Amino acid sequence: MLTLADKKYLTDNFATKKEFVGLNGDVEGLQKDVTELKVESTLLQQTVQRLEQGMERTEGKIDKVLNKLDKFVGKVADLEQENKMGAVTLRRHGIQIHELATATGTAISE
């Protein structure tokens, strides 16, 4: 049999039924919180996946734009080179015309 001292020791050092009922409610609340966190985590992962997919599509579009710009820059460089060569040729032809006109005594209007 338990003595009064034993009962006092047990009640002082161990939880009672009432305290366990309160703890049970707290545990159930924690379980609900954990479940909500899992749902929010899943939603967050889905959002991150959608963002990553959007970034991949954007990167693909940027690559296409950069390729078109590279082609355009190449064409502009070709035109610049062609213009320089045309200017050199035009200058050379002008000199030849003046020399020919001087040699033949022909007057050239400016």
PDB file of N, CA and C in Angstrom:
ATOM      1  N   MET A   1       0.834  -1.175   0.000  1.00  0.00           N
ATOM      2  CA  MET A   1       0.000   0.000   0.000  1.00  0.00           C
ATOM      3  C   MET A   1       0.881   1.242   0.000  1.00  0.00           C
ATOM      4  N   LEU A   2       0.318   2.292  -0.561  1.00  0.00           N
ATOM      5  CA  LEU A   2       1.057   3.546  -0.624  1.00  0.00           C
ATOM      6  C   LEU A   2       0.769   4.367   0.618  1.00  0.00           C
ATOM      7  N   THR A   3       1.795   4.950   1.108  1.00  0.00           N
ATOM      8  CA  THR A   3       1.620   5.840   2.251  1.00  0.00           C
ATOM      9  C   THR A   3       1.329   7.239   1.747  1.00  0.00           C
ATOM     10  N   LEU A   4       0.995   8.121   2.639  1.00  0.00           N
ATOM     11  CA  LEU A   4       0.735   9.517   2.277  1.00  0.00           C
ATOM     12  C   LEU A   4       1.988  10.159   1.696  1.00  0.00           C
ATOM     13  N   ALA A   5       3.110   9.822   2.227  1.00  0.00           N
ATOM     14  CA  ALA A   5       4.368  10.370   1.712  1.00  0.00           C
ATOM     15  C   ALA A   5       4.629   9.882   0.292  1.00  0.00           C
ATOM     16  N   ASP A   6       4.294   8.608   0.020  1.00  0.00           N
ATOM     17  CA  ASP A   6       4.469   8.063  -1.317  1.00  0.00           C
ATOM     18  C   ASP A   6       3.540   8.768  -2.312  1.00  0.00           C
ATOM     19  N   LYS A   7       2.271   8.950  -1.901  1.00  0.00           N
ATOM     20  CA  LYS A   7       1.304   9.626  -2.770  1.00  0.00           C
ATOM     21  C   LYS A   7       1.747  11.053  -3.060  1.00  0.00           C
ATOM     22  N   LYS A   8       2.235  11.746  -2.021  1.00  0.00           N
ATOM     23  CA  LYS A   8       2.702  13.128  -2.205  1.00  0.00           C
ATOM     24  C   LYS A   8       3.890  13.162  -3.161  1.00  0.00           C
ATOM     25  N   TYR A   9       4.807  12.212  -3.005  1.00  0.00           N
ATOM     26  CA  TYR A   9       5.976  12.145  -3.884  1.00  0.00           C
ATOM     27  C   TYR A   9       5.534  11.914  -5.339  1.00  0.00           C
ATOM     28  N   LEU A  10       4.598  11.005  -5.528  1.00  0.00           N
ATOM     29  CA  LEU A  10       4.128  10.692  -6.868  1.00  0.00           C
ATOM     30  C   LEU A  10       3.416  11.890  -7.508  1.00  0.00           C
ATOM     31  N   THR A  11       2.558  12.568  -6.765  1.00  0.00           N
ATOM     32  CA  THR A  11       1.834  13.712  -7.331  1.00  0.00           C
ATOM     33  C   THR A  11       2.763  14.890  -7.579  1.00  0.00           C
ATOM     34  N   ASP A  12       3.790  15.024  -6.774  1.00  0.00           N
ATOM     35  CA  ASP A  12       4.741  16.131  -6.982  1.00  0.00           C
ATOM     36  C   ASP A  12       5.655  15.891  -8.186  1.00  0.00           C
ATOM     37  N   ASN A  13       5.993  14.654  -8.450  1.00  0.00           N
ATOM     38  CA  ASN A  13       6.994  14.348  -9.475  1.00  0.00           C
ATOM     39  C   ASN A  13       6.436  13.817 -10.797  1.00  0.00           C
ATOM     40  N   PHE A  14       5.186  13.434 -10.825  1.00  0.00           N
ATOM     41  CA  PHE A  14       4.599  12.873 -12.040  1.00  0.00           C
ATOM     42  C   PHE A  14       3.323  13.620 -12.403  1.00  0.00           C
ATOM     43  N   ALA A  15       2.970  13.562 -13.663  1.00  0.00           N
ATOM     44  CA  ALA A  15       1.786  14.270 -14.154  1.00  0.00           C
ATOM     45  C   ALA A  15       0.519  13.531 -13.756  1.00  0.00           C
ATOM     46  N   THR A  16      -0.548  14.311 -13.590  1.00  0.00           N
ATOM     47  CA  THR A  16      -1.849  13.734 -13.266  1.00  0.00           C
ATOM     48  C   THR A  16      -2.639  13.539 -14.546  1.00  0.00           C
ATOM     49  N   LYS A  17      -3.827  12.877 -14.426  1.00  0.00           N
ATOM     50  CA  LYS A  17      -4.676  12.657 -15.588  1.00  0.00           C
ATOM     51  C   LYS A  17      -5.097  13.977 -16.206  1.00  0.00           C
ATOM     52  N   LYS A  18      -5.422  14.951 -15.415  1.00  0.00           N
ATOM     53  CA  LYS A  18      -5.857  16.255 -15.927  1.00  0.00           C
ATOM     54  C   LYS A  18      -4.738  16.913 -16.743  1.00  0.00           C
ATOM     55  N   GLU A  19      -3.524  16.791 -16.250  1.00  0.00           N
ATOM     56  CA  GLU A  19      -2.392  17.366 -16.969  1.00  0.00           C
ATOM     57  C   GLU A  19      -2.149  16.631 -18.289  1.00  0.00           C
ATOM     58  N   PHE A  20      -2.350  15.314 -18.293  1.00  0.00           N
ATOM     59  CA  PHE A  20      -2.198  14.545 -19.521  1.00  0.00           C
ATOM     60  C   PHE A  20      -3.249  14.937 -20.553  1.00  0.00           C
ATOM     61  N   VAL A  21      -4.477  15.194 -20.122  1.00  0.00           N
ATOM     62  CA  VAL A  21      -5.532  15.600 -21.045  1.00  0.00           C
ATOM     63  C   VAL A  21      -5.147  16.923 -21.697  1.00  0.00           C
ATOM     64  N   GLY A  22      -4.608  17.844 -20.925  1.00  0.00           N
ATOM     65  CA  GLY A  22      -4.152  19.120 -21.484  1.00  0.00           C
ATOM     66  C   GLY A  22      -3.014  18.912 -22.464  1.00  0.00           C
ATOM     67  N   LEU A  23      -2.089  18.030 -22.126  1.00  0.00           N
ATOM     68  CA  LEU A  23      -0.978  17.740 -23.024  1.00  0.00           C
ATOM     69  C   LEU A  23      -1.466  17.087 -24.304  1.00  0.00           C
ATOM     70  N   ASN A  24      -2.465  16.245 -24.213  1.00  0.00           N
ATOM     71  CA  ASN A  24      -3.020  15.581 -25.386  1.00  0.00           C
ATOM     72  C   ASN A  24      -3.576  16.629 -26.354  1.00  0.00           C
ATOM     73  N   GLY A  25      -4.270  17.615 -25.826  1.00  0.00           N
ATOM     74  CA  GLY A  25      -4.787  18.692 -26.675  1.00  0.00           C
ATOM     75  C   GLY A  25      -3.658  19.472 -27.329  1.00  0.00           C
ATOM     76  N   ASP A  26      -2.592  19.710 -26.574  1.00  0.00           N
ATOM     77  CA  ASP A  26      -1.443  20.414 -27.137  1.00  0.00           C
ATOM     78  C   ASP A  26      -0.794  19.603 -28.260  1.00  0.00           C
ATOM     79  N   VAL A  27      -0.700  18.295 -28.073  1.00  0.00           N
ATOM     80  CA  VAL A  27      -0.107  17.424 -29.090  1.00  0.00           C
ATOM     81  C   VAL A  27      -0.960  17.444 -30.349  1.00  0.00           C
ATOM     82  N   GLU A  28      -2.291  17.390 -30.180  1.00  0.00           N
ATOM     83  CA  GLU A  28      -3.167  17.450 -31.346  1.00  0.00           C
ATOM     84  C   GLU A  28      -3.003  18.776 -32.087  1.00  0.00           C
ATOM     85  N   GLY A  29      -2.859  19.872 -31.352  1.00  0.00           N
ATOM     86  CA  GLY A  29      -2.621  21.177 -31.979  1.00  0.00           C
ATOM     87  C   GLY A  29      -1.318  21.191 -32.750  1.00  0.00           C
ATOM     88  N   LEU A  30      -0.290  20.583 -32.176  1.00  0.00           N
ATOM     89  CA  LEU A  30       1.002  20.511 -32.857  1.00  0.00           C
ATOM     90  C   LEU A  30       0.907  19.665 -34.123  1.00  0.00           C
ATOM     91  N   GLN A  31       0.139  18.576 -34.058  1.00  0.00           N
ATOM     92  CA  GLN A  31      -0.033  17.733 -35.231  1.00  0.00           C
ATOM     93  C   GLN A  31      -0.721  18.518 -36.354  1.00  0.00           C
ATOM     94  N   LYS A  32      -1.716  19.324 -35.998  1.00  0.00           N
ATOM     95  CA  LYS A  32      -2.394  20.154 -37.003  1.00  0.00           C
ATOM     96  C   LYS A  32      -1.424  21.167 -37.595  1.00  0.00           C
ATOM     97  N   ASP A  33      -0.614  21.762 -36.722  1.00  0.00           N
ATOM     98  CA  ASP A  33       0.371  22.738 -37.206  1.00  0.00           C
ATOM     99  C   ASP A  33       1.368  22.086 -38.164  1.00  0.00           C
ATOM    100  N   VAL A  34       1.822  20.881 -37.834  1.00  0.00           N
ATOM    101  CA  VAL A  34       2.772  20.167 -38.694  1.00  0.00           C
ATOM    102  C   VAL A  34       2.121  19.845 -40.033  1.00  0.00           C
ATOM    103  N   THR A  35       0.856  19.426 -39.999  1.00  0.00           N
ATOM    104  CA  THR A  35       0.146  19.121 -41.237  1.00  0.00           C
ATOM    105  C   THR A  35       0.022  20.371 -42.101  1.00  0.00           C
ATOM    106  N   GLU A  36      -0.320  21.493 -41.487  1.00  0.00           N
ATOM    107  CA  GLU A  36      -0.422  22.755 -42.237  1.00  0.00           C
ATOM    108  C   GLU A  36       0.926  23.149 -42.830  1.00  0.00           C
ATOM    109  N   LEU A  37       1.985  22.963 -42.066  1.00  0.00           N
ATOM    110  CA  LEU A  37       3.328  23.278 -42.569  1.00  0.00           C
ATOM    111  C   LEU A  37       3.699  22.391 -43.754  1.00  0.00           C
ATOM    112  N   LYS A  38       3.308  21.115 -43.702  1.00  0.00           N
ATOM    113  CA  LYS A  38       3.588  20.218 -44.826  1.00  0.00           C
ATOM    114  C   LYS A  38       2.855  20.688 -46.076  1.00  0.00           C
ATOM    115  N   VAL A  39       1.587  21.098 -45.909  1.00  0.00           N
ATOM    116  CA  VAL A  39       0.801  21.584 -47.048  1.00  0.00           C
ATOM    117  C   VAL A  39       1.438  22.846 -47.611  1.00  0.00           C
ATOM    118  N   GLU A  40       1.810  23.775 -46.732  1.00  0.00           N
ATOM    119  CA  GLU A  40       2.445  25.015 -47.187  1.00  0.00           C
ATOM    120  C   GLU A  40       3.780  24.728 -47.870  1.00  0.00           C
ATOM    121  N   SER A  41       4.514  23.754 -47.348  1.00  0.00           N
ATOM    122  CA  SER A  41       5.790  23.379 -47.962  1.00  0.00           C
ATOM    123  C   SER A  41       5.570  22.837 -49.367  1.00  0.00           C
ATOM    124  N   THR A  42       4.544  22.007 -49.531  1.00  0.00           N
ATOM    125  CA  THR A  42       4.229  21.454 -50.845  1.00  0.00           C
ATOM    126  C   THR A  42       3.850  22.570 -51.819  1.00  0.00           C
ATOM    127  N   LEU A  43       3.027  23.505 -51.358  1.00  0.00           N
ATOM    128  CA  LEU A  43       2.634  24.634 -52.209  1.00  0.00           C
ATOM    129  C   LEU A  43       3.849  25.477 -52.589  1.00  0.00           C
ATOM    130  N   LEU A  44       4.739  25.671 -51.643  1.00  0.00           N
ATOM    131  CA  LEU A  44       5.957  26.443 -51.911  1.00  0.00           C
ATOM    132  C   LEU A  44       6.830  25.725 -52.947  1.00  0.00           C
ATOM    133  N   GLN A  45       6.946  24.412 -52.825  1.00  0.00           N
ATOM    134  CA  GLN A  45       7.738  23.647 -53.796  1.00  0.00           C
ATOM    135  C   GLN A  45       7.129  23.746 -55.194  1.00  0.00           C
ATOM    136  N   GLN A  46       5.810  23.704 -55.275  1.00  0.00           N
ATOM    137  CA  GLN A  46       5.150  23.829 -56.568  1.00  0.00           C
ATOM    138  C   GLN A  46       5.390  25.212 -57.162  1.00  0.00           C
ATOM    139  N   THR A  47       5.335  26.237 -56.317  1.00  0.00           N
ATOM    140  CA  THR A  47       5.581  27.598 -56.784  1.00  0.00           C
ATOM    141  C   THR A  47       7.011  27.732 -57.305  1.00  0.00           C
ATOM    142  N   VAL A  48       7.956  27.165 -56.583  1.00  0.00           N
ATOM    143  CA  VAL A  48       9.362  27.224 -57.007  1.00  0.00           C
ATOM    144  C   VAL A  48       9.536  26.501 -58.345  1.00  0.00           C
ATOM    145  N   GLN A  49       8.869  25.356 -58.519  1.00  0.00           N
ATOM    146  CA  GLN A  49       8.971  24.626 -59.778  1.00  0.00           C
ATOM    147  C   GLN A  49       8.407  25.461 -60.934  1.00  0.00           C
ATOM    148  N   ARG A  50       7.272  26.124 -60.696  1.00  0.00           N
ATOM    149  CA  ARG A  50       6.689  26.960 -61.750  1.00  0.00           C
ATOM    150  C   ARG A  50       7.623  28.120 -62.092  1.00  0.00           C
ATOM    151  N   LEU A  51       8.231  28.707 -61.081  1.00  0.00           N
ATOM    152  CA  LEU A  51       9.182  29.790 -61.334  1.00  0.00           C
ATOM    153  C   LEU A  51      10.385  29.300 -62.136  1.00  0.00           C
ATOM    154  N   GLU A  52      10.890  28.121 -61.794  1.00  0.00           N
ATOM    155  CA  GLU A  52      12.026  27.566 -62.531  1.00  0.00           C
ATOM    156  C   GLU A  52      11.654  27.301 -63.986  1.00  0.00           C
ATOM    157  N   GLN A  53      10.453  26.778 -64.221  1.00  0.00           N
ATOM    158  CA  GLN A  53      10.007  26.532 -65.584  1.00  0.00           C
ATOM    159  C   GLN A  53       9.877  27.844 -66.347  1.00  0.00           C
ATOM    160  N   GLY A  54       9.353  28.872 -65.678  1.00  0.00           N
ATOM    161  CA  GLY A  54       9.245  30.179 -66.315  1.00  0.00           C
ATOM    162  C   GLY A  54      10.610  30.745 -66.653  1.00  0.00           C
ATOM    163  N   MET A  55      11.570  30.553 -65.761  1.00  0.00           N
ATOM    164  CA  MET A  55      12.924  31.039 -66.020  1.00  0.00           C
ATOM    165  C   MET A  55      13.537  30.316 -67.218  1.00  0.00           C
ATOM    166  N   GLU A  56      13.288  29.009 -67.321  1.00  0.00           N
ATOM    167  CA  GLU A  56      13.825  28.259 -68.455  1.00  0.00           C
ATOM    168  C   GLU A  56      13.232  28.769 -69.767  1.00  0.00           C
ATOM    169  N   ARG A  57      11.916  29.044 -69.774  1.00  0.00           N
ATOM    170  CA  ARG A  57      11.288  29.574 -70.992  1.00  0.00           C
ATOM    171  C   ARG A  57      11.867  30.949 -71.317  1.00  0.00           C
ATOM    172  N   THR A  58      12.054  31.763 -70.295  1.00  0.00           N
ATOM    173  CA  THR A  58      12.607  33.098 -70.511  1.00  0.00           C
ATOM    174  C   THR A  58      14.033  33.007 -71.059  1.00  0.00           C
ATOM    175  N   GLU A  59      14.827  32.112 -70.506  1.00  0.00           N
ATOM    176  CA  GLU A  59      16.197  31.938 -70.988  1.00  0.00           C
ATOM    177  C   GLU A  59      16.210  31.501 -72.449  1.00  0.00           C
ATOM    178  N   GLY A  60      15.274  30.623 -72.811  1.00  0.00           N
ATOM    179  CA  GLY A  60      15.182  30.188 -74.212  1.00  0.00           C
ATOM    180  C   GLY A  60      14.846  31.349 -75.123  1.00  0.00           C
ATOM    181  N   LYS A  61      13.933  32.206 -74.692  1.00  0.00           N
ATOM    182  CA  LYS A  61      13.558  33.363 -75.505  1.00  0.00           C
ATOM    183  C   LYS A  61      14.727  34.341 -75.609  1.00  0.00           C
ATOM    184  N   ILE A  62      15.435  34.527 -74.505  1.00  0.00           N
ATOM    185  CA  ILE A  62      16.598  35.427 -74.518  1.00  0.00           C
ATOM    186  C   ILE A  62      17.662  34.898 -75.468  1.00  0.00           C
ATOM    187  N   ASP A  63      17.880  33.578 -75.468  1.00  0.00           N
ATOM    188  CA  ASP A  63      18.856  32.984 -76.392  1.00  0.00           C
ATOM    189  C   ASP A  63      18.475  33.259 -77.842  1.00  0.00           C
ATOM    190  N   LYS A  64      17.178  33.146 -78.154  1.00  0.00           N
ATOM    191  CA  LYS A  64      16.729  33.415 -79.525  1.00  0.00           C
ATOM    192  C   LYS A  64      16.981  34.867 -79.898  1.00  0.00           C
ATOM    193  N   VAL A  65      16.682  35.780 -78.969  1.00  0.00           N
ATOM    194  CA  VAL A  65      16.900  37.208 -79.235  1.00  0.00           C
ATOM    195  C   VAL A  65      18.387  37.479 -79.436  1.00  0.00           C
ATOM    196  N   LEU A  66      19.234  36.884 -78.601  1.00  0.00           N
ATOM    197  CA  LEU A  66      20.676  37.093 -78.740  1.00  0.00           C
ATOM    198  C   LEU A  66      21.191  36.558 -80.062  1.00  0.00           C
ATOM    199  N   ASN A  67      20.668  35.427 -80.510  1.00  0.00           N
ATOM    200  CA  ASN A  67      21.078  34.888 -81.813  1.00  0.00           C
ATOM    201  C   ASN A  67      20.695  35.846 -82.941  1.00  0.00           C
ATOM    202  N   LYS A  68      19.486  36.393 -82.869  1.00  0.00           N
ATOM    203  CA  LYS A  68      19.049  37.345 -83.898  1.00  0.00           C
ATOM    204  C   LYS A  68      19.909  38.601 -83.859  1.00  0.00           C
ATOM    205  N   LEU A  69      20.248  39.060 -82.653  1.00  0.00           N
ATOM    206  CA  LEU A  69      21.112  40.237 -82.543  1.00  0.00           C
ATOM    207  C   LEU A  69      22.495  39.963 -83.116  1.00  0.00           C
ATOM    208  N   ASP A  70      23.023  38.776 -82.854  1.00  0.00           N
ATOM    209  CA  ASP A  70      24.336  38.416 -83.412  1.00  0.00           C
ATOM    210  C   ASP A  70      24.305  38.457 -84.936  1.00  0.00           C
ATOM    211  N   LYS A  71      23.242  37.918 -85.525  1.00  0.00           N
ATOM    212  CA  LYS A  71      23.117  37.945 -86.984  1.00  0.00           C
ATOM    213  C   LYS A  71      23.040  39.384 -87.484  1.00  0.00           C
ATOM    214  N   PHE A  72      22.258  40.206 -86.780  1.00  0.00           N
ATOM    215  CA  PHE A  72      22.101  41.602 -87.177  1.00  0.00           C
ATOM    216  C   PHE A  72      23.432  42.339 -87.091  1.00  0.00           C
ATOM    217  N   VAL A  73      24.161  42.127 -86.007  1.00  0.00           N
ATOM    218  CA  VAL A  73      25.465  42.778 -85.838  1.00  0.00           C
ATOM    219  C   VAL A  73      26.415  42.331 -86.933  1.00  0.00           C
ATOM    220  N   GLY A  74      26.362  41.060 -87.282  1.00  0.00           N
ATOM    221  CA  GLY A  74      27.215  40.568 -88.368  1.00  0.00           C
ATOM    222  C   GLY A  74      26.876  41.238 -89.692  1.00  0.00           C
ATOM    223  N   LYS A  75      25.572  41.407 -89.962  1.00  0.00           N
ATOM    224  CA  LYS A  75      25.170  42.067 -91.199  1.00  0.00           C
ATOM    225  C   LYS A  75      25.602  43.526 -91.203  1.00  0.00           C
ATOM    226  N   VAL A  76      25.479  44.200 -90.069  1.00  0.00           N
ATOM    227  CA  VAL A  76      25.910  45.600 -89.978  1.00  0.00           C
ATOM    228  C   VAL A  76      27.413  45.700 -90.214  1.00  0.00           C
ATOM    229  N   ALA A  77      28.179  44.781 -89.649  1.00  0.00           N
ATOM    230  CA  ALA A  77      29.632  44.791 -89.851  1.00  0.00           C
ATOM    231  C   ALA A  77      29.965  44.579 -91.328  1.00  0.00           C
ATOM    232  N   ASP A  78      29.227  43.683 -91.978  1.00  0.00           N
ATOM    233  CA  ASP A  78      29.447  43.451 -93.415  1.00  0.00           C
ATOM    234  C   ASP A  78      29.146  44.725 -94.212  1.00  0.00           C
ATOM    235  N   LEU A  79      28.043  45.396 -93.865  1.00  0.00           N
ATOM    236  CA  LEU A  79      27.692  46.633 -94.575  1.00  0.00           C
ATOM    237  C   LEU A  79      28.726  47.732 -94.352  1.00  0.00           C
ATOM    238  N   GLU A  80      29.229  47.834 -93.133  1.00  0.00           N
ATOM    239  CA  GLU A  80      30.264  48.834 -92.849  1.00  0.00           C
ATOM    240  C   GLU A  80      31.514  48.557 -93.689  1.00  0.00           C
ATOM    241  N   GLN A  81      31.905  47.311 -93.762  1.00  0.00           N
ATOM    242  CA  GLN A  81      33.068  46.944 -94.555  1.00  0.00           C
ATOM    243  C   GLN A  81      32.834  47.254 -96.031  1.00  0.00           C
ATOM    244  N   GLU A  82      31.625  46.938 -96.501  1.00  0.00           N
ATOM    245  CA  GLU A  82      31.282  47.205 -97.899  1.00  0.00           C
ATOM    246  C   GLU A  82      31.297  48.716 -98.169  1.00  0.00           C
ATOM    247  N   ASN A  83      30.806  49.514 -97.225  1.00  0.00           N
ATOM    248  CA  ASN A  83      30.817  50.969 -97.394  1.00  0.00           C
ATOM    249  C   ASN A  83      32.244  51.516 -97.439  1.00  0.00           C
ATOM    250  N   LYS A  84      33.112  50.986 -96.597  1.00  0.00           N
ATOM    251  CA  LYS A  84      34.502  51.429 -96.609  1.00  0.00           C
ATOM    252  C   LYS A  84      35.160  51.099 -97.952  1.00  0.00           C
ATOM    253  N   MET A  85      34.924  49.884 -98.407  1.00  0.00           N
ATOM    254  CA  MET A  85      35.505  49.491 -99.691  1.00  0.00           C
ATOM    255  C   MET A  85      34.924  50.333-100.836  1.00  0.00           C
ATOM    256  N   GLY A  86      33.624  50.640-100.753  1.00  0.00           N
ATOM    257  CA  GLY A  86      32.995  51.480-101.777  1.00  0.00           C
ATOM    258  C   GLY A  86      33.574  52.881-101.771  1.00  0.00           C
ATOM    259  N   ALA A  87      33.853  53.411-100.574  1.00  0.00           N
ATOM    260  CA  ALA A  87      34.439  54.756-100.476  1.00  0.00           C
ATOM    261  C   ALA A  87      35.841  54.768-101.072  1.00  0.00           C
ATOM    262  N   VAL A  88      36.618  53.736-100.798  1.00  0.00           N
ATOM    263  CA  VAL A  88      37.973  53.647-101.362  1.00  0.00           C
ATOM    264  C   VAL A  88      37.892  53.565-102.884  1.00  0.00           C
ATOM    265  N   THR A  89      36.995  52.747-103.384  1.00  0.00           N
ATOM    266  CA  THR A  89      36.845  52.591-104.834  1.00  0.00           C
ATOM    267  C   THR A  89      36.395  53.904-105.467  1.00  0.00           C
ATOM    268  N   LEU A  90      35.438  54.580-104.826  1.00  0.00           N
ATOM    269  CA  LEU A  90      34.946  55.856-105.346  1.00  0.00           C
ATOM    270  C   LEU A  90      36.062  56.905-105.380  1.00  0.00           C
ATOM    271  N   ARG A  91      36.844  56.969-104.343  1.00  0.00           N
ATOM    272  CA  ARG A  91      37.967  57.915-104.304  1.00  0.00           C
ATOM    273  C   ARG A  91      38.971  57.599-105.416  1.00  0.00           C
ATOM    274  N   ARG A  92      39.266  56.328-105.596  1.00  0.00           N
ATOM    275  CA  ARG A  92      40.208  55.913-106.635  1.00  0.00           C
ATOM    276  C   ARG A  92      39.664  56.265-108.028  1.00  0.00           C
ATOM    277  N   HIS A  93      38.373  56.053-108.226  1.00  0.00           N
ATOM    278  CA  HIS A  93      37.773  56.398-109.525  1.00  0.00           C
ATOM    279  C   HIS A  93      37.801  57.907-109.758  1.00  0.00           C
ATOM    280  N   GLY A  94      37.557  58.659-108.683  1.00  0.00           N
ATOM    281  CA  GLY A  94      37.618  60.124-108.817  1.00  0.00           C
ATOM    282  C   GLY A  94      39.002  60.590-109.232  1.00  0.00           C
ATOM    283  N   ILE A  95      40.011  59.999-108.621  1.00  0.00           N
ATOM    284  CA  ILE A  95      41.394  60.360-108.974  1.00  0.00           C
ATOM    285  C   ILE A  95      41.678  59.990-110.421  1.00  0.00           C
ATOM    286  N   GLN A  96      41.254  58.813-110.829  1.00  0.00           N
ATOM    287  CA  GLN A  96      41.486  58.380-112.211  1.00  0.00           C
ATOM    288  C   GLN A  96      40.771  59.296-113.212  1.00  0.00           C
ATOM    289  N   ILE A  97      39.565  59.730-112.864  1.00  0.00           N
ATOM    290  CA  ILE A  97      38.818  60.624-113.766  1.00  0.00           C
ATOM    291  C   ILE A  97      39.546  61.950-113.900  1.00  0.00           C
ATOM    292  N   HIS A  98      40.031  62.506-112.780  1.00  0.00           N
ATOM    293  CA  HIS A  98      40.769  63.774-112.842  1.00  0.00           C
ATOM    294  C   HIS A  98      42.057  63.620-113.654  1.00  0.00           C
ATOM    295  N   GLU A  99      42.756  62.522-113.431  1.00  0.00           N
ATOM    296  CA  GLU A  99      43.984  62.303-114.202  1.00  0.00           C
ATOM    297  C   GLU A  99      43.683  62.155-115.691  1.00  0.00           C
ATOM    298  N   LEU A 100      42.630  61.434-116.030  1.00  0.00           N
ATOM    299  CA  LEU A 100      42.244  61.260-117.425  1.00  0.00           C
ATOM    300  C   LEU A 100      41.824  62.595-118.041  1.00  0.00           C
ATOM    301  N   ALA A 101      41.076  63.392-117.268  1.00  0.00           N
ATOM    302  CA  ALA A 101      40.632  64.692-117.774  1.00  0.00           C
ATOM    303  C   ALA A 101      41.828  65.616-117.968  1.00  0.00           C
ATOM    304  N   THR A 102      42.775  65.569-117.043  1.00  0.00           N
ATOM    305  CA  THR A 102      43.972  66.401-117.175  1.00  0.00           C
ATOM    306  C   THR A 102      44.779  65.958-118.377  1.00  0.00           C
ATOM    307  N   ALA A 103      44.918  64.667-118.586  1.00  0.00           N
ATOM    308  CA  ALA A 103      45.701  64.142-119.686  1.00  0.00           C
ATOM    309  C   ALA A 103      45.079  64.471-121.040  1.00  0.00           C
ATOM    310  N   THR A 104      43.761  64.472-121.089  1.00  0.00           N
ATOM    311  CA  THR A 104      43.082  64.723-122.360  1.00  0.00           C
ATOM    312  C   THR A 104      42.711  66.196-122.531  1.00  0.00           C
ATOM    313  N   GLY A 105      42.900  66.995-121.472  1.00  0.00           N
ATOM    314  CA  GLY A 105      42.576  68.407-121.545  1.00  0.00           C
ATOM    315  C   GLY A 105      41.085  68.675-121.476  1.00  0.00           C
ATOM    316  N   THR A 106      40.341  67.765-120.893  1.00  0.00           N
ATOM    317  CA  THR A 106      38.895  67.914-120.786  1.00  0.00           C
ATOM    318  C   THR A 106      38.562  68.631-119.481  1.00  0.00           C
ATOM    319  N   ALA A 107      37.570  69.542-119.550  1.00  0.00           N
ATOM    320  CA  ALA A 107      37.138  70.256-118.353  1.00  0.00           C
ATOM    321  C   ALA A 107      36.080  69.422-117.621  1.00  0.00           C
ATOM    322  N   ILE A 108      36.236  69.346-116.315  1.00  0.00           N
ATOM    323  CA  ILE A 108      35.287  68.587-115.490  1.00  0.00           C
ATOM    324  C   ILE A 108      34.519  69.567-114.615  1.00  0.00           C
ATOM    325  N   SER A 109      33.196  69.450-114.621  1.00  0.00           N
ATOM    326  CA  SER A 109      32.409  70.312-113.742  1.00  0.00           C
ATOM    327  C   SER A 109      32.396  69.692-112.334  1.00  0.00           C
ATOM    328  N   GLU A 110      32.534  70.531-111.365  1.00  0.00           N
ATOM    329  CA  GLU A 110      32.609  70.049-109.972  1.00  0.00           C
ATOM    330  C   GLU A 110      31.282  70.051-109.300  1.00  0.00           C
TER     331      GLU A 110
END
